[in-house]
């Protein structure tokens, strides 16, 4: 995780862009919850769990379920109606 933090710092230096870790999240998959929390504290970001939204779209969960897609489809329909 420290190497990942260093890579992000190098990216910031080279690109001139800033990585905002306070707005970033860490999701542990098949990792102990305490370990995920420790890594998030090391990086300075928050911990989230699946399902979550990424760019407004659902990530994780049951994609074959109608309930999974309903909020997203309704939002897109509203935007297209305008």
PDB file of N, CA and C in Angstrom:
ATOM      1  N   UNK A   1       0.816  -1.183   0.000  1.00  0.00           N
ATOM      2  CA  UNK A   1       0.000   0.000   0.000  1.00  0.00           C
ATOM      3  C   UNK A   1       0.865   1.255   0.000  1.00  0.00           C
ATOM      4  N   UNK A   2       1.992   1.173   0.677  1.00  0.00           N
ATOM      5  CA  UNK A   2       2.899   2.322   0.637  1.00  0.00           C
ATOM      6  C   UNK A   2       3.416   2.558  -0.777  1.00  0.00           C
ATOM      7  N   UNK A   3       3.689   1.462  -1.493  1.00  0.00           N
ATOM      8  CA  UNK A   3       4.135   1.606  -2.880  1.00  0.00           C
ATOM      9  C   UNK A   3       3.051   2.249  -3.733  1.00  0.00           C
ATOM     10  N   UNK A   4       1.787   1.884  -3.498  1.00  0.00           N
ATOM     11  CA  UNK A   4       0.683   2.498  -4.223  1.00  0.00           C
ATOM     12  C   UNK A   4       0.618   3.991  -3.926  1.00  0.00           C
ATOM     13  N   UNK A   5       0.808   4.359  -2.666  1.00  0.00           N
ATOM     14  CA  UNK A   5       0.802   5.771  -2.291  1.00  0.00           C
ATOM     15  C   UNK A   5       1.942   6.518  -2.993  1.00  0.00           C
ATOM     16  N   UNK A   6       3.114   5.898  -3.067  1.00  0.00           N
ATOM     17  CA  UNK A   6       4.250   6.518  -3.758  1.00  0.00           C
ATOM     18  C   UNK A   6       3.969   6.679  -5.247  1.00  0.00           C
ATOM     19  N   UNK A   7       3.335   5.677  -5.852  1.00  0.00           N
ATOM     20  CA  UNK A   7       2.997   5.749  -7.273  1.00  0.00           C
ATOM     21  C   UNK A   7       2.035   6.907  -7.526  1.00  0.00           C
ATOM     22  N   UNK A   8       1.051   7.078  -6.645  1.00  0.00           N
ATOM     23  CA  UNK A   8       0.109   8.187  -6.800  1.00  0.00           C
ATOM     24  C   UNK A   8       0.818   9.532  -6.652  1.00  0.00           C
ATOM     25  N   UNK A   9       1.780   9.624  -5.744  1.00  0.00           N
ATOM     26  CA  UNK A   9       2.538  10.861  -5.573  1.00  0.00           C
ATOM     27  C   UNK A   9       3.391  11.150  -6.810  1.00  0.00           C
ATOM     28  N   UNK A  10       3.981  10.120  -7.383  1.00  0.00           N
ATOM     29  CA  UNK A  10       4.770  10.294  -8.611  1.00  0.00           C
ATOM     30  C   UNK A  10       3.862  10.735  -9.755  1.00  0.00           C
ATOM     31  N   UNK A  11       2.672  10.135  -9.850  1.00  0.00           N
ATOM     32  CA  UNK A  11       1.697  10.538 -10.863  1.00  0.00           C
ATOM     33  C   UNK A  11       1.367  12.020 -10.726  1.00  0.00           C
ATOM     34  N   UNK A  12       1.144  12.482  -9.490  1.00  0.00           N
ATOM     35  CA  UNK A  12       0.839  13.893  -9.258  1.00  0.00           C
ATOM     36  C   UNK A  12       1.974  14.781  -9.737  1.00  0.00           C
ATOM     37  N   UNK A  13       3.194  14.394  -9.430  1.00  0.00           N
ATOM     38  CA  UNK A  13       4.360  15.190  -9.803  1.00  0.00           C
ATOM     39  C   UNK A  13       4.529  15.257 -11.314  1.00  0.00           C
ATOM     40  N   UNK A  14       4.401  14.119 -11.970  1.00  0.00           N
ATOM     41  CA  UNK A  14       4.630  14.061 -13.418  1.00  0.00           C
ATOM     42  C   UNK A  14       3.500  14.744 -14.187  1.00  0.00           C
ATOM     43  N   UNK A  15       2.256  14.505 -13.781  1.00  0.00           N
ATOM     44  CA  UNK A  15       1.111  14.990 -14.556  1.00  0.00           C
ATOM     45  C   UNK A  15       0.686  16.409 -14.184  1.00  0.00           C
ATOM     46  N   UNK A  16       1.019  16.840 -12.982  1.00  0.00           N
ATOM     47  CA  UNK A  16       0.545  18.141 -12.530  1.00  0.00           C
ATOM     48  C   UNK A  16      -0.876  18.081 -11.990  1.00  0.00           C
ATOM     49  N   UNK A  17      -1.487  16.904 -12.023  1.00  0.00           N
ATOM     50  CA  UNK A  17      -2.826  16.708 -11.472  1.00  0.00           C
ATOM     51  C   UNK A  17      -2.714  16.334 -10.004  1.00  0.00           C
ATOM     52  N   UNK A  18      -3.822  16.477  -9.281  1.00  0.00           N
ATOM     53  CA  UNK A  18      -3.809  16.141  -7.866  1.00  0.00           C
ATOM     54  C   UNK A  18      -4.785  14.999  -7.601  1.00  0.00           C
ATOM     55  N   UNK A  19      -4.340  14.001  -6.857  1.00  0.00           N
ATOM     56  CA  UNK A  19      -5.196  12.895  -6.449  1.00  0.00           C
ATOM     57  C   UNK A  19      -5.762  13.256  -5.078  1.00  0.00           C
ATOM     58  N   UNK A  20      -7.090  13.403  -4.999  1.00  0.00           N
ATOM     59  CA  UNK A  20      -7.739  13.777  -3.747  1.00  0.00           C
ATOM     60  C   UNK A  20      -8.147  12.506  -3.014  1.00  0.00           C
ATOM     61  N   UNK A  21      -7.312  12.079  -2.088  1.00  0.00           N
ATOM     62  CA  UNK A  21      -7.573  10.838  -1.362  1.00  0.00           C
ATOM     63  C   UNK A  21      -8.719  10.972  -0.371  1.00  0.00           C
ATOM     64  N   UNK A  22      -9.055  12.210   0.040  1.00  0.00           N
ATOM     65  CA  UNK A  22     -10.208  12.381   0.935  1.00  0.00           C
ATOM     66  C   UNK A  22     -11.512  12.040   0.210  1.00  0.00           C
ATOM     67  N   UNK A  23     -11.537  12.180  -1.109  1.00  0.00           N
ATOM     68  CA  UNK A  23     -12.719  11.833  -1.894  1.00  0.00           C
ATOM     69  C   UNK A  23     -12.651  10.403  -2.416  1.00  0.00           C
ATOM     70  N   UNK A  24     -11.553   9.728  -2.174  1.00  0.00           N
ATOM     71  CA  UNK A  24     -11.353   8.381  -2.681  1.00  0.00           C
ATOM     72  C   UNK A  24     -11.818   7.337  -1.673  1.00  0.00           C
ATOM     73  N   UNK A  25     -12.120   6.146  -2.185  1.00  0.00           N
ATOM     74  CA  UNK A  25     -12.587   5.050  -1.344  1.00  0.00           C
ATOM     75  C   UNK A  25     -11.783   3.797  -1.627  1.00  0.00           C
ATOM     76  N   UNK A  26     -11.694   2.949  -0.623  1.00  0.00           N
ATOM     77  CA  UNK A  26     -11.038   1.655  -0.755  1.00  0.00           C
ATOM     78  C   UNK A  26     -12.081   0.582  -0.474  1.00  0.00           C
ATOM     79  N   UNK A  27     -12.186  -0.373  -1.382  1.00  0.00           N
ATOM     80  CA  UNK A  27     -13.128  -1.477  -1.226  1.00  0.00           C
ATOM     81  C   UNK A  27     -12.321  -2.758  -1.127  1.00  0.00           C
ATOM     82  N   UNK A  28     -12.470  -3.460  -0.016  1.00  0.00           N
ATOM     83  CA  UNK A  28     -11.763  -4.724   0.168  1.00  0.00           C
ATOM     84  C   UNK A  28     -12.601  -5.883  -0.343  1.00  0.00           C
ATOM     85  N   UNK A  29     -12.035  -6.678  -1.229  1.00  0.00           N
ATOM     86  CA  UNK A  29     -12.716  -7.859  -1.758  1.00  0.00           C
ATOM     87  C   UNK A  29     -11.938  -9.081  -1.291  1.00  0.00           C
ATOM     88  N   UNK A  30     -12.606  -9.919  -0.515  1.00  0.00           N
ATOM     89  CA  UNK A  30     -11.993 -11.100   0.089  1.00  0.00           C
ATOM     90  C   UNK A  30     -10.784 -10.726   0.946  1.00  0.00           C
ATOM     91  N   UNK A  31     -10.927  -9.590   1.661  1.00  0.00           N
ATOM     92  CA  UNK A  31      -9.884  -9.109   2.567  1.00  0.00           C
ATOM     93  C   UNK A  31     -10.557  -8.837   3.909  1.00  0.00           C
ATOM     94  N   UNK A  32      -9.873  -9.141   4.984  1.00  0.00           N
ATOM     95  CA  UNK A  32     -10.394  -8.893   6.317  1.00  0.00           C
ATOM     96  C   UNK A  32     -10.749  -7.414   6.478  1.00  0.00           C
ATOM     97  N   UNK A  33     -11.871  -7.132   7.146  1.00  0.00           N
ATOM     98  CA  UNK A  33     -12.348  -5.761   7.313  1.00  0.00           C
ATOM     99  C   UNK A  33     -11.304  -4.898   8.023  1.00  0.00           C
ATOM    100  N   UNK A  34     -10.658  -5.431   9.038  1.00  0.00           N
ATOM    101  CA  UNK A  34      -9.641  -4.675   9.777  1.00  0.00           C
ATOM    102  C   UNK A  34      -8.447  -4.331   8.889  1.00  0.00           C
ATOM    103  N   UNK A  35      -8.105  -5.252   8.006  1.00  0.00           N
ATOM    104  CA  UNK A  35      -6.990  -5.014   7.077  1.00  0.00           C
ATOM    105  C   UNK A  35      -7.355  -3.895   6.094  1.00  0.00           C
ATOM    106  N   UNK A  36      -8.604  -3.908   5.614  1.00  0.00           N
ATOM    107  CA  UNK A  36      -9.067  -2.866   4.704  1.00  0.00           C
ATOM    108  C   UNK A  36      -9.038  -1.509   5.396  1.00  0.00           C
ATOM    109  N   UNK A  37      -9.483  -1.460   6.632  1.00  0.00           N
ATOM    110  CA  UNK A  37      -9.468  -0.209   7.396  1.00  0.00           C
ATOM    111  C   UNK A  37      -8.037   0.278   7.597  1.00  0.00           C
ATOM    112  N   UNK A  38      -7.141  -0.637   7.888  1.00  0.00           N
ATOM    113  CA  UNK A  38      -5.725  -0.258   8.082  1.00  0.00           C
ATOM    114  C   UNK A  38      -5.126   0.322   6.804  1.00  0.00           C
ATOM    115  N   UNK A  39      -5.424  -0.309   5.661  1.00  0.00           N
ATOM    116  CA  UNK A  39      -4.912   0.191   4.383  1.00  0.00           C
ATOM    117  C   UNK A  39      -5.514   1.555   4.048  1.00  0.00           C
ATOM    118  N   UNK A  40      -6.802   1.724   4.320  1.00  0.00           N
ATOM    119  CA  UNK A  40      -7.455   3.009   4.044  1.00  0.00           C
ATOM    120  C   UNK A  40      -6.845   4.116   4.902  1.00  0.00           C
ATOM    121  N   UNK A  41      -6.565   3.815   6.160  1.00  0.00           N
ATOM    122  CA  UNK A  41      -5.922   4.806   7.023  1.00  0.00           C
ATOM    123  C   UNK A  41      -4.528   5.146   6.526  1.00  0.00           C
ATOM    124  N   UNK A  42      -3.822   4.169   6.023  1.00  0.00           N
ATOM    125  CA  UNK A  42      -2.478   4.386   5.489  1.00  0.00           C
ATOM    126  C   UNK A  42      -2.517   5.312   4.277  1.00  0.00           C
ATOM    127  N   UNK A  43      -3.525   5.115   3.417  1.00  0.00           N
ATOM    128  CA  UNK A  43      -3.652   5.946   2.221  1.00  0.00           C
ATOM    129  C   UNK A  43      -4.331   7.281   2.511  1.00  0.00           C
ATOM    130  N   UNK A  44      -5.115   7.335   3.576  1.00  0.00           N
ATOM    131  CA  UNK A  44      -5.843   8.561   3.893  1.00  0.00           C
ATOM    132  C   UNK A  44      -7.166   8.662   3.152  1.00  0.00           C
ATOM    133  N   UNK A  45      -7.799   7.518   2.906  1.00  0.00           N
ATOM    134  CA  UNK A  45      -9.089   7.512   2.221  1.00  0.00           C
ATOM    135  C   UNK A  45     -10.111   6.772   3.074  1.00  0.00           C
ATOM    136  N   UNK A  46     -11.360   6.725   2.604  1.00  0.00           N
ATOM    137  CA  UNK A  46     -12.407   6.067   3.372  1.00  0.00           C
ATOM    138  C   UNK A  46     -12.632   4.644   2.869  1.00  0.00           C
ATOM    139  N   UNK A  47     -13.325   3.860   3.679  1.00  0.00           N
ATOM    140  CA  UNK A  47     -13.639   2.476   3.346  1.00  0.00           C
ATOM    141  C   UNK A  47     -15.090   2.407   2.892  1.00  0.00           C
ATOM    142  N   UNK A  48     -15.346   1.704   1.809  1.00  0.00           N
ATOM    143  CA  UNK A  48     -16.710   1.459   1.346  1.00  0.00           C
ATOM    144  C   UNK A  48     -16.858  -0.024   1.081  1.00  0.00           C
ATOM    145  N   UNK A  49     -18.091  -0.456   0.926  1.00  0.00           N
ATOM    146  CA  UNK A  49     -18.348  -1.851   0.596  1.00  0.00           C
ATOM    147  C   UNK A  49     -19.282  -1.909  -0.606  1.00  0.00           C
ATOM    148  N   UNK A  50     -19.257  -3.020  -1.277  1.00  0.00           N
ATOM    149  CA  UNK A  50     -20.125  -3.217  -2.431  1.00  0.00           C
ATOM    150  C   UNK A  50     -21.525  -3.552  -1.968  1.00  0.00           C
ATOM    151  N   UNK A  51     -22.557  -3.188  -2.651  1.00  0.00           N
ATOM    152  CA  UNK A  51     -22.591  -2.396  -3.873  1.00  0.00           C
ATOM    153  C   UNK A  51     -22.417  -0.909  -3.571  1.00  0.00           C
ATOM    154  N   UNK A  52     -21.853  -0.190  -4.529  1.00  0.00           N
ATOM    155  CA  UNK A  52     -21.673   1.252  -4.413  1.00  0.00           C
ATOM    156  C   UNK A  52     -21.902   1.878  -5.777  1.00  0.00           C
ATOM    157  N   UNK A  53     -21.906   3.191  -5.831  1.00  0.00           N
ATOM    158  CA  UNK A  53     -22.094   3.877  -7.107  1.00  0.00           C
ATOM    159  C   UNK A  53     -20.758   4.445  -7.551  1.00  0.00           C
ATOM    160  N   UNK A  54     -20.464   4.287  -8.841  1.00  0.00           N
ATOM    161  CA  UNK A  54     -19.262   4.840  -9.451  1.00  0.00           C
ATOM    162  C   UNK A  54     -19.709   5.634 -10.664  1.00  0.00           C
ATOM    163  N   UNK A  55     -19.424   6.930 -10.674  1.00  0.00           N
ATOM    164  CA  UNK A  55     -19.880   7.831 -11.733  1.00  0.00           C
ATOM    165  C   UNK A  55     -21.391   7.763 -11.908  1.00  0.00           C
ATOM    166  N   UNK A  56     -22.100   7.541 -10.804  1.00  0.00           N
ATOM    167  CA  UNK A  56     -23.552   7.509 -10.833  1.00  0.00           C
ATOM    168  C   UNK A  56     -24.162   6.175 -11.204  1.00  0.00           C
ATOM    169  N   UNK A  57     -23.346   5.199 -11.535  1.00  0.00           N
ATOM    170  CA  UNK A  57     -23.854   3.890 -11.927  1.00  0.00           C
ATOM    171  C   UNK A  57     -23.527   2.863 -10.853  1.00  0.00           C
ATOM    172  N   UNK A  58     -24.411   1.871 -10.670  1.00  0.00           N
ATOM    173  CA  UNK A  58     -24.172   0.869  -9.634  1.00  0.00           C
ATOM    174  C   UNK A  58     -22.981  -0.029  -9.963  1.00  0.00           C
ATOM    175  N   UNK A  59     -22.237  -0.359  -8.938  1.00  0.00           N
ATOM    176  CA  UNK A  59     -21.080  -1.241  -9.070  1.00  0.00           C
ATOM    177  C   UNK A  59     -21.210  -2.306  -7.989  1.00  0.00           C
ATOM    178  N   UNK A  60     -21.180  -3.560  -8.394  1.00  0.00           N
ATOM    179  CA  UNK A  60     -21.376  -4.645  -7.444  1.00  0.00           C
ATOM    180  C   UNK A  60     -22.852  -4.978  -7.357  1.00  0.00           C
ATOM    181  N   UNK A  61     -23.234  -5.845  -6.470  1.00  0.00           N
ATOM    182  CA  UNK A  61     -24.634  -6.210  -6.328  1.00  0.00           C
ATOM    183  C   UNK A  61     -25.035  -7.304  -7.304  1.00  0.00           C
ATOM    184  N   UNK A  62     -26.328  -7.383  -7.583  1.00  0.00           N
ATOM    185  CA  UNK A  62     -26.881  -8.409  -8.470  1.00  0.00           C
ATOM    186  C   UNK A  62     -27.342  -7.777  -9.790  1.00  0.00           C
ATOM    187  N   UNK A  63     -26.497  -7.721 -10.804  1.00  0.00           N
ATOM    188  CA  UNK A  63     -26.868  -7.052 -12.054  1.00  0.00           C
ATOM    189  C   UNK A  63     -28.008  -7.731 -12.807  1.00  0.00           C
ATOM    190  N   UNK A  64     -28.352  -8.961 -12.471  1.00  0.00           N
ATOM    191  CA  UNK A  64     -29.464  -9.635 -13.149  1.00  0.00           C
ATOM    192  C   UNK A  64     -30.806  -9.265 -12.521  1.00  0.00           C
ATOM    193  N   UNK A  65     -30.766  -8.601 -11.397  1.00  0.00           N
ATOM    194  CA  UNK A  65     -31.976  -8.196 -10.693  1.00  0.00           C
ATOM    195  C   UNK A  65     -32.525  -6.898 -11.284  1.00  0.00           C
ATOM    196  N   UNK A  66     -33.834  -6.816 -11.460  1.00  0.00           N
ATOM    197  CA  UNK A  66     -34.470  -5.605 -11.985  1.00  0.00           C
ATOM    198  C   UNK A  66     -34.276  -4.444 -11.017  1.00  0.00           C
ATOM    199  N   UNK A  67     -34.367  -4.722  -9.721  1.00  0.00           N
ATOM    200  CA  UNK A  67     -34.215  -3.681  -8.705  1.00  0.00           C
ATOM    201  C   UNK A  67     -32.834  -3.034  -8.767  1.00  0.00           C
ATOM    202  N   UNK A  68     -31.849  -3.755  -9.217  1.00  0.00           N
ATOM    203  CA  UNK A  68     -30.483  -3.241  -9.327  1.00  0.00           C
ATOM    204  C   UNK A  68     -30.425  -2.101 -10.342  1.00  0.00           C
ATOM    205  N   UNK A  69     -31.154  -2.219 -11.458  1.00  0.00           N
ATOM    206  CA  UNK A  69     -31.084  -1.254 -12.553  1.00  0.00           C
ATOM    207  C   UNK A  69     -32.157  -0.183 -12.511  1.00  0.00           C
ATOM    208  N   UNK A  70     -33.261  -0.394 -11.796  1.00  0.00           N
ATOM    209  CA  UNK A  70     -34.374   0.557 -11.818  1.00  0.00           C
ATOM    210  C   UNK A  70     -33.981   2.004 -11.540  1.00  0.00           C
ATOM    211  N   UNK A  71     -33.254   2.319 -10.460  1.00  0.00           N
ATOM    212  CA  UNK A  71     -32.919   3.735 -10.219  1.00  0.00           C
ATOM    213  C   UNK A  71     -32.092   4.341 -11.350  1.00  0.00           C
ATOM    214  N   UNK A  72     -31.172   3.584 -11.918  1.00  0.00           N
ATOM    215  CA  UNK A  72     -30.320   4.082 -12.994  1.00  0.00           C
ATOM    216  C   UNK A  72     -31.134   4.307 -14.258  1.00  0.00           C
ATOM    217  N   UNK A  73     -31.980   3.366 -14.618  1.00  0.00           N
ATOM    218  CA  UNK A  73     -32.799   3.486 -15.823  1.00  0.00           C
ATOM    219  C   UNK A  73     -33.753   4.669 -15.690  1.00  0.00           C
ATOM    220  N   UNK A  74     -34.362   4.843 -14.513  1.00  0.00           N
ATOM    221  CA  UNK A  74     -35.289   5.966 -14.297  1.00  0.00           C
ATOM    222  C   UNK A  74     -34.555   7.287 -14.434  1.00  0.00           C
ATOM    223  N   UNK A  75     -33.355   7.390 -13.904  1.00  0.00           N
ATOM    224  CA  UNK A  75     -32.582   8.628 -14.004  1.00  0.00           C
ATOM    225  C   UNK A  75     -32.233   8.947 -15.459  1.00  0.00           C
ATOM    226  N   UNK A  76     -31.855   7.942 -16.220  1.00  0.00           N
ATOM    227  CA  UNK A  76     -31.517   8.154 -17.633  1.00  0.00           C
ATOM    228  C   UNK A  76     -32.765   8.568 -18.416  1.00  0.00           C
ATOM    229  N   UNK A  77     -33.898   7.952 -18.106  1.00  0.00           N
ATOM    230  CA  UNK A  77     -35.143   8.299 -18.787  1.00  0.00           C
ATOM    231  C   UNK A  77     -35.511   9.767 -18.514  1.00  0.00           C
ATOM    232  N   UNK A  78     -35.337  10.218 -17.298  1.00  0.00           N
ATOM    233  CA  UNK A  78     -35.624  11.621 -16.962  1.00  0.00           C
ATOM    234  C   UNK A  78     -34.731  12.569 -17.744  1.00  0.00           C
ATOM    235  N   UNK A  79     -33.456  12.222 -17.867  1.00  0.00           N
ATOM    236  CA  UNK A  79     -32.526  13.085 -18.620  1.00  0.00           C
ATOM    237  C   UNK A  79     -32.878  13.114 -20.094  1.00  0.00           C
ATOM    238  N   UNK A  80     -33.263  11.971 -20.654  1.00  0.00           N
ATOM    239  CA  UNK A  80     -33.617  11.923 -22.065  1.00  0.00           C
ATOM    240  C   UNK A  80     -34.936  12.636 -22.352  1.00  0.00           C
ATOM    241  N   UNK A  81     -35.828  12.694 -21.364  1.00  0.00           N
ATOM    242  CA  UNK A  81     -37.125  13.354 -21.547  1.00  0.00           C
ATOM    243  C   UNK A  81     -36.958  14.857 -21.710  1.00  0.00           C
ATOM    244  N   UNK A  82     -35.903  15.414 -21.143  1.00  0.00           N
ATOM    245  CA  UNK A  82     -35.658  16.866 -21.247  1.00  0.00           C
ATOM    246  C   UNK A  82     -35.216  17.186 -22.647  1.00  0.00           C
TER     247      UNK A  82
END
